[in-house]
C-alpha cells in the first residue's frame, strides 16, 4: 500500500480532542441563498449517493446520529452544516451526486447548488471526496474533481468501506486512485482508506483536519 501521510503525536491528539466534543447540527441549506455566514473555516464531504458520508461523519465525531443516514440513496437534498461547541469549524455534508433515479429537476437543482458552493465559498479549506473502495473512481467522481480543479479548491480522496475488500484489492484501488489523482492539479496526493465499522483511518483523518485548522490559524 502507498505510504500514509505522517502525523505527529501532537497532531493526532489535537485531532482527537477536536472531535471529542459534542458536535451539533447547525442548519440545512437547500440552496445558495440560505448558506450560513462564512465566519469560520469549513471542511466539506462530497461523494456519490450511498457512499457512506453520514456514517463517516458520525464516526468522525463519535456520535451515532449527528448526520442522518438514509436507506434511500439521494435523500440528502441540502447542504447540512455541523459545528463544534466553540464554533471554530463547520463540517458540511453535501448532497450525494450521481443518483440517476432521482427526479431530473431535483438532480439539476442539487448539481447547481453543489457547483455554486464548491466554486464560491471562500472559507472552504478542503473538500473530502468520498469513494467506495469496492468500486473505485467513477466518471462522475472525475467530473466533480474537474470542477474542484477549475475552482482551485483543495480536495482529498477518502476511500470508504475499506474493510469490505481484501488487503490486496485495497492496495490495488489505492494505487489506481493515487495514479489518477496525479492528473488533477487541486488534488492532495495522499489517500485515506477508512472503515466506519472498524474506525480504520479515522485517527489520520482527524489529524489532517486538525493540521488544516492550524495552518489556517484557527
Protein backbone atom coordinates (compact mmCIF):
# COMPACT_ATOMS: atom_id res chain seq x y z
CA UNK A 1 0.00 0.00 0.00
CA UNK A 2 1.14 3.56 -0.67
CA UNK A 3 2.86 5.23 2.26
CA UNK A 4 0.47 7.10 4.55
CA UNK A 5 0.89 10.75 5.44
CA UNK A 6 2.98 11.19 8.57
CA UNK A 7 1.36 12.77 11.63
CA UNK A 8 3.00 13.70 14.91
CA UNK A 9 1.62 12.50 18.22
CA UNK A 10 0.58 16.12 18.87
CA UNK A 11 -1.38 16.26 15.58
CA UNK A 12 -3.16 13.02 16.44
CA UNK A 13 -4.05 14.20 19.95
CA UNK A 14 -5.23 17.59 18.68
CA UNK A 15 -7.43 15.83 16.16
CA UNK A 16 -8.84 13.54 18.83
CA UNK A 17 -9.73 16.45 21.09
CA UNK A 18 -11.27 18.42 18.21
CA UNK A 19 -13.78 15.68 17.54
CA UNK A 20 -14.27 14.51 21.14
CA UNK A 21 -16.60 17.42 21.92
CA UNK A 22 -20.36 17.50 21.36
CA UNK A 23 -20.85 18.47 17.72
CA UNK A 24 -24.32 19.71 16.79
CA UNK A 25 -26.42 20.29 13.70
CA UNK A 26 -26.36 23.98 12.75
CA UNK A 27 -28.56 24.28 9.67
CA UNK A 28 -29.57 22.78 6.36
CA UNK A 29 -29.22 24.96 3.28
CA UNK A 30 -31.42 23.92 0.35
CA UNK A 31 -29.79 26.47 -1.93
CA UNK A 32 -27.07 29.09 -2.04
CA UNK A 33 -29.38 31.80 -0.67
CA UNK A 34 -29.67 30.01 2.66
CA UNK A 35 -25.99 29.39 3.42
CA UNK A 36 -24.77 30.41 6.89
CA UNK A 37 -22.35 33.33 7.17
CA UNK A 38 -18.83 32.34 6.14
CA UNK A 39 -17.48 33.26 9.56
CA UNK A 40 -15.39 30.13 10.23
CA UNK A 41 -13.38 27.54 8.30
CA UNK A 42 -15.31 24.76 6.58
CA UNK A 43 -14.49 21.16 5.67
CA UNK A 44 -16.90 19.57 3.19
CA UNK A 45 -17.67 15.95 2.39
CA UNK A 46 -18.78 15.05 -1.12
CA UNK A 47 -19.43 11.73 -2.76
CA UNK A 48 -21.74 9.57 -4.79
CA UNK A 49 -25.04 8.68 -3.22
CA UNK A 50 -24.79 5.73 -0.83
CA UNK A 51 -21.00 6.07 -0.49
CA UNK A 52 -21.26 6.29 3.30
CA UNK A 53 -20.96 10.02 4.03
CA UNK A 54 -23.32 10.01 7.01
CA UNK A 55 -21.60 7.00 8.56
CA UNK A 56 -18.20 8.60 8.05
CA UNK A 57 -19.24 11.90 9.66
CA UNK A 58 -20.85 10.12 12.61
CA UNK A 59 -17.73 8.01 13.18
CA UNK A 60 -15.51 11.07 12.82
CA UNK A 61 -17.29 12.88 15.67
CA UNK A 62 -18.02 9.74 17.70
CA UNK A 63 -21.79 10.25 17.61
CA UNK A 64 -24.33 7.79 16.30
CA UNK A 65 -26.85 10.10 14.67
CA UNK A 66 -25.39 13.55 14.06
CA UNK A 67 -25.62 13.03 10.31
CA UNK A 68 -28.77 11.19 9.28
CA UNK A 69 -28.13 8.10 7.19
CA UNK A 70 -30.86 7.01 4.80
CA UNK A 71 -31.67 3.73 3.14
CA UNK A 72 -32.79 5.74 0.12
CA UNK A 73 -29.84 7.00 -1.96
CA UNK A 74 -30.16 10.67 -2.84
CA UNK A 75 -32.30 11.51 0.21
CA UNK A 76 -29.95 14.28 1.38
CA UNK A 77 -31.10 17.32 -0.57
CA UNK A 78 -29.43 20.09 1.40
CA UNK A 79 -26.00 21.25 2.42
CA UNK A 80 -26.06 20.21 6.08
CA UNK A 81 -23.78 22.21 8.40
CA UNK A 82 -22.50 20.83 11.71
CA UNK A 83 -20.36 22.75 14.19
CA UNK A 84 -18.37 22.25 17.39
CA UNK A 85 -19.22 23.98 20.71
CA UNK A 86 -16.57 26.66 20.20
CA UNK A 87 -17.89 27.40 16.68
CA UNK A 88 -14.39 27.04 15.28
CA UNK A 89 -15.32 24.91 12.29
CA UNK A 90 -18.16 23.77 10.07
CA UNK A 91 -18.41 20.22 8.77
CA UNK A 92 -20.53 20.23 5.63
CA UNK A 93 -22.43 17.16 4.45
CA UNK A 94 -23.12 17.74 0.77
CA UNK A 95 -25.94 16.18 -1.27
CA UNK A 96 -24.90 12.91 -2.86
CA UNK A 97 -24.27 13.06 -6.58
CA UNK A 98 -24.67 10.56 -9.37
CA UNK A 99 -28.01 9.06 -8.38
CA UNK A 100 -29.76 8.67 -11.73
CA UNK A 101 -33.18 7.58 -10.38
CA UNK A 102 -33.93 10.87 -8.60
CA UNK A 103 -36.24 13.29 -10.48
CA UNK A 104 -34.24 15.13 -13.11
CA UNK A 105 -35.32 18.58 -11.93
CA UNK A 106 -34.12 17.79 -8.40
CA UNK A 107 -30.83 16.40 -9.69
CA UNK A 108 -30.30 19.57 -11.72
CA UNK A 109 -31.07 21.76 -8.70
CA UNK A 110 -28.74 19.77 -6.44
CA UNK A 111 -25.96 20.00 -9.02
CA UNK A 112 -26.36 23.77 -9.33
CA UNK A 113 -26.18 24.18 -5.56
CA UNK A 114 -23.21 21.84 -5.27
CA UNK A 115 -21.28 23.56 -8.05
CA UNK A 116 -22.09 27.02 -6.74
CA UNK A 117 -20.98 26.15 -3.23
CA UNK A 118 -17.75 24.48 -4.31
CA UNK A 119 -16.71 27.33 -6.59
CA UNK A 120 -17.67 30.26 -4.39
CA UNK A 121 -17.16 29.52 -0.69
CA UNK A 122 -14.09 31.46 0.46
CA UNK A 123 -13.83 29.74 3.87
CA UNK A 124 -13.74 26.22 2.41
CA UNK A 125 -10.39 24.72 3.44
CA UNK A 126 -10.74 21.32 1.81
CA UNK A 127 -13.27 19.01 0.24
CA UNK A 128 -13.02 15.33 1.08
CA UNK A 129 -14.26 13.36 -1.92
CA UNK A 130 -15.55 10.00 -0.69
CA UNK A 131 -15.11 6.99 -2.96
CA UNK A 132 -16.37 3.47 -2.24
CA UNK A 133 -13.25 1.29 -2.01
CA UNK A 134 -15.18 -1.61 -3.56
CA UNK A 135 -15.79 0.31 -6.78
CA UNK A 136 -13.03 2.92 -7.07
CA UNK A 137 -13.26 6.17 -9.00
CA UNK A 138 -16.16 6.55 -11.42
CA UNK A 139 -16.65 9.07 -14.25
CA UNK A 140 -18.98 11.14 -12.05
CA UNK A 141 -16.16 11.45 -9.47
CA UNK A 142 -13.87 12.72 -12.22
CA UNK A 143 -16.48 15.36 -13.07
CA UNK A 144 -16.55 16.65 -9.50
CA UNK A 145 -12.76 16.61 -9.29
CA UNK A 146 -12.59 18.53 -12.56
CA UNK A 147 -14.89 21.16 -11.08
CA UNK A 148 -12.70 21.41 -7.99
CA UNK A 149 -9.61 21.73 -10.17
CA UNK A 150 -11.17 24.57 -12.16
CA UNK A 151 -12.25 26.33 -8.95
CA UNK A 152 -8.80 25.79 -7.37
CA UNK A 153 -10.40 24.17 -4.32
CA UNK A 154 -8.12 21.76 -2.47
CA UNK A 155 -9.56 18.27 -2.16
CA UNK A 156 -8.54 14.86 -0.90
CA UNK A 157 -9.95 11.41 -1.63
CA UNK A 158 -11.19 9.19 1.18
CA UNK A 159 -11.87 5.55 0.40
CA UNK A 160 -14.87 4.32 2.40
CA UNK A 161 -15.87 0.76 3.32
CA UNK A 162 -12.24 -0.36 3.07
CA UNK A 163 -12.97 -3.29 5.39
CA UNK A 164 -15.25 -4.80 2.74
CA UNK A 165 -12.40 -5.82 0.43
CA UNK A 166 -9.16 -7.74 0.80
CA UNK A 167 -5.87 -6.01 1.57
CA UNK A 168 -4.64 -6.92 -1.92
CA UNK A 169 -7.67 -5.32 -3.55
CA UNK A 170 -7.36 -2.27 -1.30
CA UNK A 171 -3.71 -1.85 -2.31
CA UNK A 172 -4.75 -2.01 -5.95
CA UNK A 173 -7.54 0.56 -5.53
CA UNK A 174 -5.24 2.87 -3.57
CA UNK A 175 -2.54 2.71 -6.23
CA UNK A 176 -5.00 3.34 -9.05
CA UNK A 177 -6.58 6.26 -7.18
CA UNK A 178 -3.24 7.89 -6.45
CA UNK A 179 -2.22 7.49 -10.08
CA UNK A 180 -5.48 9.11 -11.22
CA UNK A 181 -5.08 12.00 -8.78
CA UNK A 182 -1.68 12.86 -10.23
CA UNK A 183 -3.57 14.28 -13.23
CA UNK A 184 -5.62 16.65 -11.07
CA UNK A 185 -3.83 19.88 -10.01
CA UNK A 186 -6.01 20.63 -6.96
CA UNK A 187 -5.91 17.09 -5.56
CA UNK A 188 -3.99 16.39 -2.37
CA UNK A 189 -1.70 13.40 -3.10
CA UNK A 190 -2.45 11.30 0.00
CA UNK A 191 -5.48 9.00 0.04
CA UNK A 192 -7.05 7.89 3.33
CA UNK A 193 -8.62 4.43 3.49
CA UNK A 194 -11.38 4.26 6.10
CA UNK A 195 -13.97 1.99 7.61
CA UNK A 196 -16.82 3.35 9.71
CA UNK A 197 -17.31 -0.11 11.20
CA UNK A 198 -13.73 -0.66 12.41
CA UNK A 199 -12.66 3.02 12.76
CA UNK A 200 -9.79 2.35 10.34
CA UNK A 201 -8.22 5.59 9.10
CA UNK A 202 -10.09 7.96 11.40
CA UNK A 203 -7.08 8.85 13.51
CA UNK A 204 -5.40 10.01 10.30
CA UNK A 205 -8.49 11.90 9.13
CA UNK A 206 -8.87 13.76 12.43
CA UNK A 207 -5.18 14.69 12.37
CA UNK A 208 -5.47 16.00 8.80
CA UNK A 209 -8.37 18.27 9.78
CA UNK A 210 -6.50 19.49 12.86
CA UNK A 211 -3.47 20.36 10.75
CA UNK A 212 -5.64 22.22 8.24
CA UNK A 213 -7.12 24.33 11.04
CA UNK A 214 -3.68 25.03 12.48
CA UNK A 215 -2.37 26.12 9.07
CA UNK A 216 -5.41 28.37 8.70
CA UNK A 217 -4.71 29.94 12.08
CA UNK A 218 -7.96 28.77 13.64
